[in-house]
């Protein structure tokens, strides 16, 4: 009986590890999708306003791009530390970006 419970515990640990790996893969995929969407939206916005704003404001827009890259890098490290939480956050951010994109 004890050996059977031990085998079940080992199998459960293996399944938990497999789930963790799946969550990490899912998080990586979500991160890539969100990053690409942010980059595309940023470039689309920049192109649409390029002729309408001054060079100084274009430089500020480039600074914003650098800051968003920094934030994306921070999110990546947080994702690695807390994969489940980061998946939920990425889904929420993706939803918000999608809503904003539809309004533009």
Protein backbone atom coordinates (compact mmCIF):
# COMPACT_ATOMS: atom_id res chain seq x y z
CA UNK A 1 0.00 0.00 0.00
CA UNK A 2 2.78 2.38 0.97
CA UNK A 3 4.70 1.63 -2.24
CA UNK A 4 1.60 2.32 -4.33
CA UNK A 5 1.13 5.70 -2.61
CA UNK A 6 4.79 6.47 -3.19
CA UNK A 7 4.41 5.69 -6.90
CA UNK A 8 1.34 7.90 -7.09
CA UNK A 9 3.24 10.76 -5.42
CA UNK A 10 6.08 10.37 -7.92
CA UNK A 11 3.62 10.40 -10.83
CA UNK A 12 1.89 13.47 -9.38
CA UNK A 13 5.24 15.28 -9.11
CA UNK A 14 6.01 14.42 -12.74
CA UNK A 15 2.63 15.75 -13.86
CA UNK A 16 3.14 18.95 -11.87
CA UNK A 17 6.54 19.47 -13.49
CA UNK A 18 5.01 18.88 -16.92
CA UNK A 19 2.32 21.46 -16.14
CA UNK A 20 4.96 23.97 -15.04
CA UNK A 21 6.82 23.48 -18.32
CA UNK A 22 3.56 23.91 -20.25
CA UNK A 23 2.80 27.13 -18.35
CA UNK A 24 6.26 28.45 -19.12
CA UNK A 25 5.82 27.66 -22.82
CA UNK A 26 2.40 29.29 -22.80
CA UNK A 27 3.82 32.33 -21.04
CA UNK A 28 6.62 32.60 -23.59
CA UNK A 29 4.09 32.41 -26.40
CA UNK A 30 1.89 35.07 -24.81
CA UNK A 31 4.90 37.27 -24.19
CA UNK A 32 5.94 36.99 -27.83
CA UNK A 33 2.44 37.75 -29.08
CA UNK A 34 2.00 40.74 -26.77
CA UNK A 35 5.47 42.08 -27.61
CA UNK A 36 4.81 41.79 -31.34
CA UNK A 37 1.41 43.47 -30.97
CA UNK A 38 2.90 46.33 -28.94
CA UNK A 39 5.71 46.77 -31.46
CA UNK A 40 3.30 46.76 -34.41
CA UNK A 41 0.92 49.19 -32.74
CA UNK A 42 3.80 51.45 -31.78
CA UNK A 43 5.11 51.54 -35.34
CA UNK A 44 1.61 52.10 -36.77
CA UNK A 45 1.00 55.00 -34.39
CA UNK A 46 4.42 56.47 -35.09
CA UNK A 47 3.88 56.36 -38.85
CA UNK A 48 0.39 57.87 -38.61
CA UNK A 49 1.56 60.84 -36.54
CA UNK A 50 5.05 61.26 -37.98
CA UNK A 51 4.09 64.06 -40.34
CA UNK A 52 1.99 65.79 -37.69
CA UNK A 53 4.46 66.15 -34.82
CA UNK A 54 7.79 67.85 -34.28
CA UNK A 55 11.20 66.16 -34.23
CA UNK A 56 11.36 66.68 -30.46
CA UNK A 57 8.15 64.73 -30.00
CA UNK A 58 9.43 62.00 -32.33
CA UNK A 59 12.45 61.65 -30.06
CA UNK A 60 10.13 61.37 -27.06
CA UNK A 61 8.25 58.67 -28.95
CA UNK A 62 11.52 56.81 -29.50
CA UNK A 63 12.28 57.16 -25.77
CA UNK A 64 8.88 55.66 -25.05
CA UNK A 65 9.76 52.72 -27.28
CA UNK A 66 12.97 52.14 -25.32
CA UNK A 67 11.04 52.29 -22.04
CA UNK A 68 8.46 49.82 -23.34
CA UNK A 69 11.30 47.46 -24.31
CA UNK A 70 12.69 47.80 -20.80
CA UNK A 71 9.26 47.02 -19.36
CA UNK A 72 8.98 43.99 -21.62
CA UNK A 73 12.35 42.73 -20.40
CA UNK A 74 11.23 43.22 -16.79
CA UNK A 75 8.04 41.29 -17.49
CA UNK A 76 10.08 38.46 -18.95
CA UNK A 77 12.10 38.07 -15.77
CA UNK A 78 8.93 38.25 -13.68
CA UNK A 79 7.33 35.63 -15.92
CA UNK A 80 10.21 33.27 -15.26
CA UNK A 81 9.84 33.83 -11.50
CA UNK A 82 6.01 33.63 -11.41
CA UNK A 83 4.72 31.85 -14.53
CA UNK A 84 1.05 31.44 -13.57
CA UNK A 85 0.63 35.03 -12.44
CA UNK A 86 2.38 36.33 -15.53
CA UNK A 87 0.07 34.34 -17.79
CA UNK A 88 -2.95 35.96 -16.18
CA UNK A 89 -1.36 39.41 -16.47
CA UNK A 90 -0.37 38.82 -20.10
CA UNK A 91 -3.91 37.74 -20.93
CA UNK A 92 -5.26 40.91 -19.31
CA UNK A 93 -2.77 43.13 -21.12
CA UNK A 94 -3.53 41.40 -24.39
CA UNK A 95 -7.22 42.01 -23.86
CA UNK A 96 -6.63 45.70 -23.14
CA UNK A 97 -4.29 46.13 -26.12
CA UNK A 98 -6.88 44.42 -28.31
CA UNK A 99 -9.61 46.77 -27.11
CA UNK A 100 -7.40 49.80 -27.68
CA UNK A 101 -6.40 48.55 -31.14
CA UNK A 102 -10.01 48.18 -32.17
CA UNK A 103 -10.71 51.79 -31.20
CA UNK A 104 -7.82 53.23 -33.22
